[in-house]
Protein backbone atom coordinates (compact mmCIF):
# COMPACT_ATOMS: atom_id res chain seq x y z
CA UNK A 1 26.87 -55.40 -3.73
CA UNK A 2 29.76 -54.19 -5.84
CA UNK A 3 30.85 -50.71 -4.75
CA UNK A 4 34.62 -50.95 -5.10
CA UNK A 5 34.62 -48.77 -8.22
CA UNK A 6 33.35 -45.80 -6.21
CA UNK A 7 36.66 -45.70 -4.34
CA UNK A 8 39.02 -46.54 -7.18
CA UNK A 9 41.65 -44.10 -8.37
CA UNK A 10 41.40 -44.01 -12.14
CA UNK A 11 42.06 -41.78 -15.14
CA UNK A 12 40.01 -39.21 -17.01
CA UNK A 13 39.48 -39.60 -20.76
CA UNK A 14 39.33 -36.55 -23.01
CA UNK A 15 41.83 -34.68 -25.11
CA UNK A 16 45.50 -35.09 -24.27
CA UNK A 17 46.72 -32.97 -21.36
CA UNK A 18 43.18 -31.79 -20.54
CA UNK A 19 42.94 -29.45 -17.54
CA UNK A 20 41.42 -30.58 -14.27
CA UNK A 21 38.18 -28.74 -15.03
CA UNK A 22 36.90 -27.71 -18.44
CA UNK A 23 33.82 -26.03 -19.86
CA UNK A 24 32.00 -28.10 -22.47
CA UNK A 25 30.08 -25.07 -23.75
CA UNK A 26 31.91 -21.89 -24.73
CA UNK A 27 28.82 -19.65 -24.69
CA UNK A 28 29.42 -18.57 -28.29
CA UNK A 29 28.74 -21.53 -30.57
CA UNK A 30 28.56 -25.33 -30.61
CA UNK A 31 32.27 -25.97 -31.07
CA UNK A 32 33.18 -29.33 -29.54
CA UNK A 33 29.77 -30.86 -30.24
CA UNK A 34 28.20 -32.89 -33.05
CA UNK A 35 24.50 -32.73 -33.82
CA UNK A 36 22.51 -35.70 -35.06
CA UNK A 37 18.95 -35.11 -36.24
CA UNK A 38 16.83 -38.18 -36.84
CA UNK A 39 15.46 -36.73 -40.07
CA UNK A 40 18.65 -35.22 -41.53
CA UNK A 41 21.66 -36.97 -40.01
CA UNK A 42 25.04 -35.83 -38.71
CA UNK A 43 25.81 -32.10 -38.41
CA UNK A 44 22.89 -31.22 -40.67
CA UNK A 45 20.46 -29.13 -38.64
CA UNK A 46 18.44 -26.95 -41.05
CA UNK A 47 15.72 -26.17 -38.48
CA UNK A 48 18.22 -25.13 -35.76
CA UNK A 49 17.12 -27.73 -33.26
CA UNK A 50 20.36 -26.86 -31.47
CA UNK A 51 21.49 -23.25 -31.25
CA UNK A 52 23.07 -20.63 -28.99
CA UNK A 53 20.77 -17.79 -27.89
CA UNK A 54 20.69 -14.99 -25.36
CA UNK A 55 18.44 -15.65 -22.40
CA UNK A 56 18.18 -13.52 -19.28
CA UNK A 57 21.32 -11.65 -20.26
CA UNK A 58 23.57 -14.65 -20.94
CA UNK A 59 24.37 -16.95 -23.82
CA UNK A 60 22.89 -20.43 -23.39
CA UNK A 61 22.38 -23.57 -25.46
CA UNK A 62 18.84 -23.83 -26.75
CA UNK A 63 17.25 -27.15 -27.72
CA UNK A 64 14.03 -26.51 -29.61
CA UNK A 65 12.60 -30.02 -29.25
CA UNK A 66 11.10 -29.78 -32.73
CA UNK A 67 12.76 -33.01 -33.92
CA UNK A 68 14.03 -36.07 -32.08
CA UNK A 69 17.77 -35.48 -32.03
CA UNK A 70 20.96 -35.53 -29.99
CA UNK A 71 23.94 -33.26 -29.55
CA UNK A 72 27.07 -35.08 -28.40
CA UNK A 73 30.54 -34.10 -27.32
CA UNK A 74 33.27 -34.84 -29.83
CA UNK A 75 35.42 -36.22 -27.00
CA UNK A 76 34.79 -39.21 -24.74
CA UNK A 77 35.03 -39.02 -20.95
CA UNK A 78 35.22 -41.26 -17.92
CA UNK A 79 35.81 -40.75 -14.20
CA UNK A 80 34.36 -37.28 -13.88
CA UNK A 81 32.05 -34.89 -12.12
CA UNK A 82 29.73 -33.19 -14.61
CA UNK A 83 27.68 -30.12 -13.70
CA UNK A 84 25.06 -28.45 -15.87
CA UNK A 85 21.97 -26.31 -15.42
CA UNK A 86 18.74 -26.49 -17.37
CA UNK A 87 15.30 -24.94 -17.46
CA UNK A 88 12.25 -25.62 -19.56
CA UNK A 89 10.99 -23.33 -22.28
CA UNK A 90 7.40 -23.03 -23.47
CA UNK A 91 7.24 -24.78 -26.86
CA UNK A 92 6.18 -28.41 -27.25
CA UNK A 93 5.97 -30.52 -30.41
CA UNK A 94 4.19 -33.59 -31.72
CA UNK A 95 4.13 -36.44 -30.96
CA UNK A 96 4.57 -35.22 -27.36
CA UNK A 97 2.24 -32.22 -27.24
CA UNK A 98 0.26 -33.70 -24.35
CA UNK A 99 3.21 -35.31 -22.54
CA UNK A 100 5.56 -34.05 -19.88
CA UNK A 101 8.38 -31.85 -21.14
CA UNK A 102 11.26 -34.18 -21.91
CA UNK A 103 14.97 -34.10 -22.67
CA UNK A 104 17.76 -36.23 -21.23
CA UNK A 105 21.41 -36.34 -20.28
CA UNK A 106 22.95 -39.39 -21.95
CA UNK A 107 26.36 -40.46 -20.70
CA UNK A 108 28.87 -43.17 -21.62
CA UNK A 109 27.38 -42.73 -25.11
CA UNK A 110 29.03 -45.09 -27.59
CA UNK A 111 28.55 -46.65 -31.01
CA UNK A 112 26.77 -45.20 -34.00
CA UNK A 113 24.71 -42.04 -33.89
CA UNK A 114 21.01 -42.89 -34.01
CA UNK A 115 21.47 -46.29 -32.37
CA UNK A 116 18.31 -45.81 -30.28
CA UNK A 117 15.08 -44.60 -31.88
CA UNK A 118 17.05 -43.34 -34.87
CA UNK A 119 18.19 -40.34 -32.82
CA UNK A 120 20.42 -41.29 -29.86
CA UNK A 121 23.49 -43.35 -29.07
CA UNK A 122 23.82 -46.43 -26.87
CA UNK A 123 24.13 -44.82 -23.45
CA UNK A 124 23.15 -44.48 -19.82
CA UNK A 125 20.46 -41.88 -19.22
CA UNK A 126 20.07 -39.38 -16.42
CA UNK A 127 16.46 -38.55 -17.16
CA UNK A 128 15.55 -34.89 -17.58
CA UNK A 129 11.77 -34.81 -17.71
CA UNK A 130 9.20 -32.82 -15.74
CA UNK A 131 8.73 -34.54 -12.39
CA UNK A 132 11.09 -37.38 -13.25
CA UNK A 133 14.53 -35.74 -13.22
CA UNK A 134 17.15 -38.17 -11.96
CA UNK A 135 15.41 -41.35 -13.13
CA UNK A 136 17.53 -43.97 -14.89
CA UNK A 137 16.92 -45.37 -18.37
CA UNK A 138 19.17 -47.87 -20.10
CA UNK A 139 19.38 -46.78 -23.73
CA UNK A 140 19.80 -49.39 -26.49
CA UNK A 141 21.29 -52.13 -24.31
CA UNK A 142 23.18 -50.13 -21.68
CA UNK A 143 22.66 -51.51 -18.17
CA UNK A 144 23.18 -50.62 -14.51
CA UNK A 145 22.55 -52.35 -11.19
CA UNK A 146 20.50 -50.16 -8.83
CA UNK A 147 19.24 -50.78 -5.27
CA UNK A 148 15.46 -50.45 -5.41
CA UNK A 149 12.19 -51.32 -3.77
CA UNK A 150 9.27 -52.56 -5.85
CA UNK A 151 6.48 -50.00 -6.24
CA UNK A 152 4.27 -52.35 -8.26
CA UNK A 153 4.71 -55.08 -10.87
CA UNK A 154 6.43 -52.77 -13.35
CA UNK A 155 7.87 -49.86 -11.33
CA UNK A 156 10.97 -49.82 -9.13
CA UNK A 157 12.01 -46.92 -6.89
CA UNK A 158 15.56 -46.19 -5.77
CA UNK A 159 16.31 -47.03 -2.14
CA UNK A 160 19.93 -47.24 -0.93
CA UNK A 161 18.90 -50.15 1.32
CA UNK A 162 16.86 -51.88 -1.38
CA UNK A 163 17.58 -54.99 -3.40
CA UNK A 164 20.28 -54.60 -6.05
CA UNK A 165 18.60 -55.29 -9.39
CA UNK A 166 19.75 -55.05 -13.00
CA UNK A 167 18.00 -52.65 -15.37
CA UNK A 168 18.43 -53.23 -19.09
CA UNK A 169 16.13 -53.15 -22.11
CA UNK A 170 14.22 -56.44 -22.47
CA UNK A 171 15.61 -57.68 -19.14
CA UNK A 172 13.30 -59.09 -16.42
CA UNK A 173 13.13 -55.68 -14.71
CA UNK A 174 13.13 -53.67 -17.95
CA UNK A 175 15.34 -50.58 -18.25
CA UNK A 176 13.80 -47.90 -16.00
CA UNK A 177 14.35 -47.11 -12.31
CA UNK A 178 12.65 -44.18 -10.55
CA UNK A 179 14.69 -41.67 -8.58
CA UNK A 180 14.06 -40.83 -4.94
CA UNK A 181 13.49 -38.27 -3.57
CA UNK A 182 12.09 -35.68 -5.99
CA UNK A 183 14.38 -32.64 -5.89
CA UNK A 184 13.37 -30.84 -9.09
CA UNK A 185 12.53 -27.15 -9.07
CA UNK A 186 9.21 -25.97 -10.54
CA UNK A 187 8.97 -25.63 -14.33
CA UNK A 188 10.43 -22.31 -15.42
CA UNK A 189 13.20 -22.26 -12.81
CA UNK A 190 16.80 -23.30 -13.36
CA UNK A 191 17.82 -26.72 -12.06
CA UNK A 192 21.35 -27.92 -11.30
CA UNK A 193 22.23 -31.43 -12.43
CA UNK A 194 25.35 -33.17 -11.17
CA UNK A 195 26.63 -36.51 -12.39
CA UNK A 196 29.49 -38.41 -10.78
CA UNK A 197 31.01 -41.27 -12.77
CA UNK A 198 33.86 -43.37 -11.40
CA UNK A 199 34.78 -46.72 -12.88
CA UNK A 200 31.55 -48.62 -13.44
CA UNK A 201 29.51 -46.65 -10.90
CA UNK A 202 27.59 -43.38 -11.02
CA UNK A 203 25.63 -41.00 -8.79
CA UNK A 204 22.71 -38.83 -9.93
CA UNK A 205 22.33 -35.52 -8.05
CA UNK A 206 19.50 -32.98 -8.47
CA UNK A 207 19.84 -29.51 -6.95
CA UNK A 208 22.34 -30.83 -4.41
CA UNK A 209 20.31 -33.91 -3.44
CA UNK A 210 21.49 -37.45 -4.22
CA UNK A 211 18.54 -39.12 -5.95
CA UNK A 212 20.19 -42.34 -7.15
CA UNK A 213 23.36 -44.42 -6.89
CA UNK A 214 24.12 -46.87 -9.69
CA UNK A 215 26.59 -49.77 -9.92
CA UNK A 216 28.21 -52.18 -12.38
CA UNK A 217 27.66 -50.32 -15.63
CA UNK A 218 28.44 -52.26 -18.78
CA UNK A 219 30.02 -49.08 -20.16
CA UNK A 220 32.58 -46.94 -18.34
CA UNK A 221 33.40 -44.17 -20.81
CA UNK A 222 31.86 -42.41 -23.77
CA UNK A 223 30.47 -39.19 -25.10
CA UNK A 224 27.96 -36.93 -23.38
CA UNK A 225 24.74 -36.36 -25.32
CA UNK A 226 21.76 -34.07 -24.73
CA UNK A 227 18.40 -35.07 -26.15
CA UNK A 228 15.86 -33.12 -28.15
CA UNK A 229 12.59 -34.93 -27.47
CA UNK A 230 9.56 -32.76 -28.14
CA UNK A 231 10.13 -29.89 -25.68
CA UNK A 232 12.00 -26.60 -25.66
CA UNK A 233 14.77 -26.57 -23.05
CA UNK A 234 17.81 -24.41 -22.26
CA UNK A 235 21.20 -25.55 -20.93
CA UNK A 236 24.03 -23.52 -19.42
CA UNK A 237 27.21 -23.88 -17.33
CA UNK A 238 28.21 -27.29 -18.65
CA UNK A 239 31.44 -28.14 -16.83
CA UNK A 240 33.32 -31.38 -16.34
CA UNK A 241 36.08 -32.16 -13.87
CA UNK A 242 38.23 -35.26 -13.53
CA UNK A 243 37.94 -37.20 -10.28
CA UNK A 244 39.87 -40.07 -8.71
CA UNK A 245 37.42 -40.65 -5.83
CA UNK A 246 33.88 -39.83 -4.82
CA UNK A 247 33.70 -36.87 -2.39
CA UNK A 248 33.30 -37.97 1.23
CA UNK A 249 29.83 -36.45 1.60
CA UNK A 250 28.46 -38.57 -1.27
CA UNK A 251 29.85 -41.99 -0.32
């Protein structure tokens, strides 16, 4: 099992001379981000799928969910600790009116906008979906190796002592691995998402609980993208910090 990258000392990619820790969201507007709406293209958002609103006395990023879309950082990043908080709103939209509320944190996002489903970039996904937060999805050819146990013929659940298997679209195991344990707060409450990326490895953390460790990514840097996928959701406190090693408590 390849885990060397978790201990490597490597650089952080963003703007030149970036500080150790930066906020990706200024609380005022969407400066530093590009929107891509499946129906209207780059930075053309007539229905305000992405906006900044006041909620509970603070300014937050609102994603309406009305259209399949993505909002991505202008800059690319690698070797970082990302922290954000989200909570679900009420609105849902077709074609997902009867589905779980869904969004997604896409990382190491590369290539053309709309490369997956006409809305999202090639990327690794930290799933943000009711009951499934922390799952892994390989988007448009991105892949990771994940230790898992087999739940049934088509479902694999993370287990740090499980067999290391590759997850990629159209691969023998497909592109989805299920997190474990479930650490999501009830719908309507804020959740804290943490993502550690170092070299070709990553760790998914929900509300302080490690729910998945991932190895041997075929991408090691890229943009960060947040999905609009049929459900209203709010994001706040998006911060990123360079790292040269994984903290001792997470190794």
